[in-house]
C-alpha atoms as a PDB file:
ATOM      1  CA  MET A   1      19.007 -12.746   3.362  1.00  0.00           C
ATOM      2  CA  GLU A   2      19.553 -16.008   1.515  1.00  0.00           C
ATOM      3  CA  VAL A   3      19.692 -15.676  -2.259  1.00  0.00           C
ATOM      4  CA  LYS A   4      18.406 -18.728  -4.071  1.00  0.00           C
ATOM      5  CA  GLY A   5      19.425 -19.674  -7.567  1.00  0.00           C
ATOM      6  CA  THR A   6      18.590 -22.324 -10.094  1.00  0.00           C
ATOM      7  CA  THR A   7      21.329 -24.521 -11.510  1.00  0.00           C
ATOM      8  CA  ILE A   8      21.285 -25.498 -15.146  1.00  0.00           C
ATOM      9  CA  SER A   9      22.445 -28.939 -16.214  1.00  0.00           C
ATOM     10  CA  LYS A  10      23.652 -30.234 -19.558  1.00  0.00           C
ATOM     11  CA  GLN A  11      20.443 -32.316 -19.656  1.00  0.00           C
ATOM     12  CA  ASP A  12      18.362 -29.102 -19.307  1.00  0.00           C
ATOM     13  CA  ILE A  13      20.080 -27.695 -22.390  1.00  0.00           C
ATOM     14  CA  GLU A  14      19.926 -30.906 -24.431  1.00  0.00           C
ATOM     15  CA  SER A  15      16.229 -31.457 -23.646  1.00  0.00           C
ATOM     16  CA  GLY A  16      15.361 -27.906 -24.719  1.00  0.00           C
ATOM     17  CA  LYS A  17      14.333 -26.828 -21.205  1.00  0.00           C
ATOM     18  CA  VAL A  18      16.872 -24.009 -21.525  1.00  0.00           C
ATOM     19  CA  LEU A  19      17.118 -22.081 -24.777  1.00  0.00           C
ATOM     20  CA  PHE A  20      20.551 -21.197 -26.077  1.00  0.00           C
ATOM     21  CA  THR A  21      22.152 -20.146 -29.330  1.00  0.00           C
ATOM     22  CA  LYS A  22      24.885 -22.069 -31.124  1.00  0.00           C
ATOM     23  CA  GLY A  23      28.005 -22.353 -29.079  1.00  0.00           C
ATOM     24  CA  ASP A  24      29.379 -24.143 -26.086  1.00  0.00           C
ATOM     25  CA  PRO A  25      26.482 -25.599 -24.029  1.00  0.00           C
ATOM     26  CA  ASN A  26      28.796 -25.589 -21.012  1.00  0.00           C
ATOM     27  CA  ALA A  27      28.357 -21.849 -20.598  1.00  0.00           C
ATOM     28  CA  HIS A  28      30.041 -20.278 -17.592  1.00  0.00           C
ATOM     29  CA  TYR A  29      27.177 -17.857 -16.958  1.00  0.00           C
ATOM     30  CA  THR A  30      23.409 -17.640 -17.164  1.00  0.00           C
ATOM     31  CA  TRP A  31      20.891 -14.814 -16.954  1.00  0.00           C
ATOM     32  CA  ASP A  32      19.626 -14.150 -13.440  1.00  0.00           C
ATOM     33  CA  THR A  33      16.696 -12.019 -12.317  1.00  0.00           C
ATOM     34  CA  GLY A  34      18.722 -10.609  -9.438  1.00  0.00           C
ATOM     35  CA  ILE A  35      17.631 -10.037  -5.859  1.00  0.00           C
ATOM     36  CA  GLY A  36      14.972  -7.389  -6.538  1.00  0.00           C
ATOM     37  CA  ILE A  37      13.120  -8.830  -9.493  1.00  0.00           C
ATOM     38  CA  GLY A  38      13.719 -12.399  -8.292  1.00  0.00           C
ATOM     39  CA  ARG A  39      11.828 -11.748  -5.066  1.00  0.00           C
ATOM     40  CA  TYR A  40       9.148  -9.827  -6.979  1.00  0.00           C
ATOM     41  CA  LEU A  41       8.550 -12.764  -9.347  1.00  0.00           C
ATOM     42  CA  GLU A  42       8.577 -15.283  -6.498  1.00  0.00           C
ATOM     43  CA  GLY A  43       5.980 -13.103  -4.752  1.00  0.00           C
ATOM     44  CA  LEU A  44       3.774 -13.137  -7.843  1.00  0.00           C
ATOM     45  CA  ARG A  45       3.919 -16.939  -7.802  1.00  0.00           C
ATOM     46  CA  GLU A  46       2.643 -16.734  -4.200  1.00  0.00           C
ATOM     47  CA  GLY A  47      -0.086 -14.220  -5.087  1.00  0.00           C
ATOM     48  CA  LYS A  48       1.762 -11.288  -3.496  1.00  0.00           C
ATOM     49  CA  ILE A  49       3.061  -7.995  -4.867  1.00  0.00           C
ATOM     50  CA  TRP A  50       6.349  -6.826  -3.321  1.00  0.00           C
ATOM     51  CA  GLY A  51       7.840  -3.356  -3.411  1.00  0.00           C
ATOM     52  CA  THR A  52      10.885  -1.766  -1.810  1.00  0.00           C
ATOM     53  CA  TYR A  53      11.063   1.257   0.467  1.00  0.00           C
ATOM     54  CA  CYS A  54      13.766   3.958   0.441  1.00  0.00           C
ATOM     55  CA  LYS A  55      14.092   5.436   3.939  1.00  0.00           C
ATOM     56  CA  LYS A  56      15.980   8.487   2.674  1.00  0.00           C
ATOM     57  CA  CYS A  57      13.380   9.460   0.039  1.00  0.00           C
ATOM     58  CA  ASN A  58      10.407   8.031   1.968  1.00  0.00           C
ATOM     59  CA  ARG A  59       9.300   6.287  -1.216  1.00  0.00           C
ATOM     60  CA  THR A  60       7.942   2.798  -1.938  1.00  0.00           C
ATOM     61  CA  VAL A  61       8.422   1.542  -5.477  1.00  0.00           C
ATOM     62  CA  VAL A  62       7.112  -1.355  -7.515  1.00  0.00           C
ATOM     63  CA  PRO A  63       8.609  -3.263  -9.249  1.00  0.00           C
ATOM     64  CA  PRO A  64      11.206  -3.373  -6.471  1.00  0.00           C
ATOM     65  CA  ARG A  65      14.751  -2.085  -6.828  1.00  0.00           C
ATOM     66  CA  VAL A  66      17.865  -2.854  -4.800  1.00  0.00           C
ATOM     67  CA  PHE A  67      18.864   0.824  -4.764  1.00  0.00           C
ATOM     68  CA  CYS A  68      16.960   4.089  -5.079  1.00  0.00           C
ATOM     69  CA  GLU A  69      17.384   5.627  -8.513  1.00  0.00           C
ATOM     70  CA  LEU A  70      16.807   9.111  -7.025  1.00  0.00           C
ATOM     71  CA  CYS A  71      19.321   9.170  -4.148  1.00  0.00           C
ATOM     72  CA  PHE A  72      21.303   5.964  -4.907  1.00  0.00           C
ATOM     73  CA  SER A  73      20.786   4.670  -1.366  1.00  0.00           C
ATOM     74  CA  PRO A  74      20.618   0.917  -1.016  1.00  0.00           C
ATOM     75  CA  VAL A  75      17.005  -0.150  -0.724  1.00  0.00           C
ATOM     76  CA  ILE A  76      16.807  -2.904   1.835  1.00  0.00           C
ATOM     77  CA  GLU A  77      13.314  -2.671   3.287  1.00  0.00           C
ATOM     78  CA  TRP A  78      10.740  -4.869   1.580  1.00  0.00           C
ATOM     79  CA  LYS A  79       7.018  -4.125   1.737  1.00  0.00           C
ATOM     80  CA  GLN A  80       4.180  -6.380   0.716  1.00  0.00           C
ATOM     81  CA  LEU A  81       1.720  -4.244  -1.211  1.00  0.00           C
ATOM     82  CA  LYS A  82      -1.954  -4.750  -1.910  1.00  0.00           C
ATOM     83  CA  ASP A  83      -3.174  -6.230  -5.192  1.00  0.00           C
ATOM     84  CA  THR A  84      -5.384  -3.196  -5.745  1.00  0.00           C
ATOM     85  CA  GLY A  85      -4.678   0.232  -7.168  1.00  0.00           C
ATOM     86  CA  ILE A  86      -5.846   2.989  -9.460  1.00  0.00           C
ATOM     87  CA  ILE A  87      -5.458   3.566 -13.163  1.00  0.00           C
ATOM     88  CA  ASN A  88      -2.744   6.158 -13.802  1.00  0.00           C
ATOM     89  CA  THR A  89      -3.052   6.069 -17.595  1.00  0.00           C
ATOM     90  CA  PHE A  90      -4.560   3.711 -20.171  1.00  0.00           C
ATOM     91  CA  SER A  91      -5.138   3.080 -23.841  1.00  0.00           C
ATOM     92  CA  ILE A  92      -7.997   1.577 -25.806  1.00  0.00           C
ATOM     93  CA  CYS A  93      -6.235  -0.190 -28.627  1.00  0.00           C
ATOM     94  CA  TYR A  94      -8.008  -1.583 -31.689  1.00  0.00           C
ATOM     95  CA  VAL A  95      -4.847  -2.864 -33.392  1.00  0.00           C
ATOM     96  CA  ASN A  96      -2.441  -5.723 -32.728  1.00  0.00           C
ATOM     97  CA  TRP A  97       1.341  -5.376 -32.646  1.00  0.00           C
ATOM     98  CA  ASP A  98       1.377  -6.117 -36.403  1.00  0.00           C
ATOM     99  CA  ALA A  99      -1.148  -3.308 -37.126  1.00  0.00           C
ATOM    100  CA  SER A 100      -3.980  -5.758 -37.874  1.00  0.00           C
ATOM    101  CA  ARG A 101      -7.352  -4.570 -36.615  1.00  0.00           C
ATOM    102  CA  VAL A 102      -9.233  -6.233 -33.751  1.00  0.00           C
ATOM    103  CA  GLU A 103     -12.935  -6.092 -32.845  1.00  0.00           C
ATOM    104  CA  THR A 104     -12.438  -6.346 -29.097  1.00  0.00           C
ATOM    105  CA  PRO A 105      -9.893  -3.752 -27.965  1.00  0.00           C
ATOM    106  CA  HIS A 106      -6.761  -4.449 -25.963  1.00  0.00           C
ATOM    107  CA  LEU A 107      -6.790  -2.392 -22.744  1.00  0.00           C
ATOM    108  CA  PRO A 108      -3.249  -1.711 -21.492  1.00  0.00           C
ATOM    109  CA  ALA A 109      -2.976   0.471 -18.385  1.00  0.00           C
ATOM    110  CA  VAL A 110      -0.446   1.654 -15.842  1.00  0.00           C
ATOM    111  CA  ILE A 111      -1.741   0.681 -12.406  1.00  0.00           C
ATOM    112  CA  GLU A 112      -0.517   2.622  -9.356  1.00  0.00           C
ATOM    113  CA  ILE A 113      -0.443  -0.148  -6.766  1.00  0.00           C
ATOM    114  CA  ASP A 114      -1.956   0.660  -3.361  1.00  0.00           C
ATOM    115  CA  GLY A 115       0.841   1.012  -0.819  1.00  0.00           C
ATOM    116  CA  ALA A 116       3.371   2.244  -3.395  1.00  0.00           C
ATOM    117  CA  SER A 117       4.235   5.923  -3.742  1.00  0.00           C
ATOM    118  CA  LYS A 118       2.244   8.075  -6.148  1.00  0.00           C
ATOM    119  CA  GLY A 119       3.324   7.469  -9.716  1.00  0.00           C
ATOM    120  CA  CYS A 120       4.807   4.041  -8.959  1.00  0.00           C
ATOM    121  CA  GLY A 121       3.080   1.132 -10.573  1.00  0.00           C
ATOM    122  CA  ILE A 122       3.085  -1.555 -13.192  1.00  0.00           C
ATOM    123  CA  LEU A 123       1.981  -1.822 -16.796  1.00  0.00           C
ATOM    124  CA  HIS A 124      -0.664  -4.499 -17.230  1.00  0.00           C
ATOM    125  CA  VAL A 125      -4.026  -5.036 -18.933  1.00  0.00           C
ATOM    126  CA  LEU A 126      -7.645  -4.432 -17.952  1.00  0.00           C
ATOM    127  CA  ASP A 127     -10.611  -6.748 -18.464  1.00  0.00           C
ATOM    128  CA  GLU A 128     -14.207  -7.166 -17.240  1.00  0.00           C
ATOM    129  CA  VAL A 129     -14.756  -3.471 -17.970  1.00  0.00           C
ATOM    130  CA  ASN A 130     -16.597  -1.482 -20.618  1.00  0.00           C
ATOM    131  CA  PRO A 131     -13.882   0.511 -22.444  1.00  0.00           C
ATOM    132  CA  LYS A 132     -16.169   3.573 -22.392  1.00  0.00           C
ATOM    133  CA  GLU A 133     -16.188   3.507 -18.578  1.00  0.00           C
ATOM    134  CA  ILE A 134     -12.404   3.366 -18.031  1.00  0.00           C
ATOM    135  CA  HIS A 135     -10.980   6.536 -16.510  1.00  0.00           C
ATOM    136  CA  VAL A 136      -7.857   7.771 -14.755  1.00  0.00           C
ATOM    137  CA  GLY A 137      -8.287   7.213 -11.029  1.00  0.00           C
ATOM    138  CA  MET A 138     -10.560   4.156 -11.460  1.00  0.00           C
ATOM    139  CA  LYS A 139     -10.059   1.630  -8.664  1.00  0.00           C
ATOM    140  CA  VAL A 140      -8.971  -1.786  -9.897  1.00  0.00           C
ATOM    141  CA  LYS A 141      -8.090  -5.165  -8.391  1.00  0.00           C
ATOM    142  CA  ALA A 142      -5.821  -7.938  -9.669  1.00  0.00           C
ATOM    143  CA  VAL A 143      -7.379 -11.131 -11.000  1.00  0.00           C
ATOM    144  CA  TRP A 144      -4.879 -13.907 -10.311  1.00  0.00           C
ATOM    145  CA  LYS A 145      -4.351 -17.252 -11.974  1.00  0.00           C
ATOM    146  CA  ARG A 146      -5.120 -20.234  -9.774  1.00  0.00           C
ATOM    147  CA  PRO A 147      -2.143 -21.005  -7.485  1.00  0.00           C
ATOM    148  CA  GLU A 148      -1.270 -24.245  -9.303  1.00  0.00           C
ATOM    149  CA  GLU A 149      -1.056 -22.344 -12.628  1.00  0.00           C
ATOM    150  CA  ARG A 150       1.336 -19.623 -11.439  1.00  0.00           C
ATOM    151  CA  THR A 151       4.930 -19.672 -12.652  1.00  0.00           C
ATOM    152  CA  GLY A 152       6.568 -16.596 -11.131  1.00  0.00           C
ATOM    153  CA  SER A 153       5.708 -14.231 -13.994  1.00  0.00           C
ATOM    154  CA  ILE A 154       3.873 -10.927 -14.305  1.00  0.00           C
ATOM    155  CA  LEU A 155       1.286 -13.043 -16.164  1.00  0.00           C
ATOM    156  CA  ASP A 156       0.393 -14.692 -12.838  1.00  0.00           C
ATOM    157  CA  ILE A 157      -1.864 -11.642 -12.653  1.00  0.00           C
ATOM    158  CA  GLN A 158      -4.260 -12.314 -15.523  1.00  0.00           C
ATOM    159  CA  TYR A 159      -5.580  -8.740 -15.604  1.00  0.00           C
ATOM    160  CA  PHE A 160      -6.976  -5.952 -13.430  1.00  0.00           C
ATOM    161  CA  LYS A 161     -10.712  -5.265 -13.158  1.00  0.00           C
ATOM    162  CA  PRO A 162     -12.761  -2.503 -11.513  1.00  0.00           C
ATOM    163  CA  TYR A 163     -13.995  -3.042  -7.979  1.00  0.00           C
END
């Protein structure tokens, strides 16, 4: 498997494209997403959700890992998962991070992605749903940004909604 990277130039740093703290702008290292999360984020940019499969544990996890945290086997089999799932847990939150009140609640939820093993999913937000109707086990589907707006971020999925 070819591992792609992104080079950083002095111009990137000077133009503010890359954020850094005071020090030598000719740094000898940069932060990298790694193989697992890198492919996951690239998949999100393409409108796909990727997970990894552990043959020893017979378990598919999302976000993907490069080794199984249960048996420590290298995880080398990639699986494209669906962009649907069920709500594992959720919250109806009437406060912001700074404890200020909001009229319209935030709706964070853990979504077990279809195709992943039970209990494996991602934390995201819900929308297009009456908070009183949300329940554990509710089927939801990803609402994606338009392809030209995607950047390779978990925010390429705008939210999940019931279907």
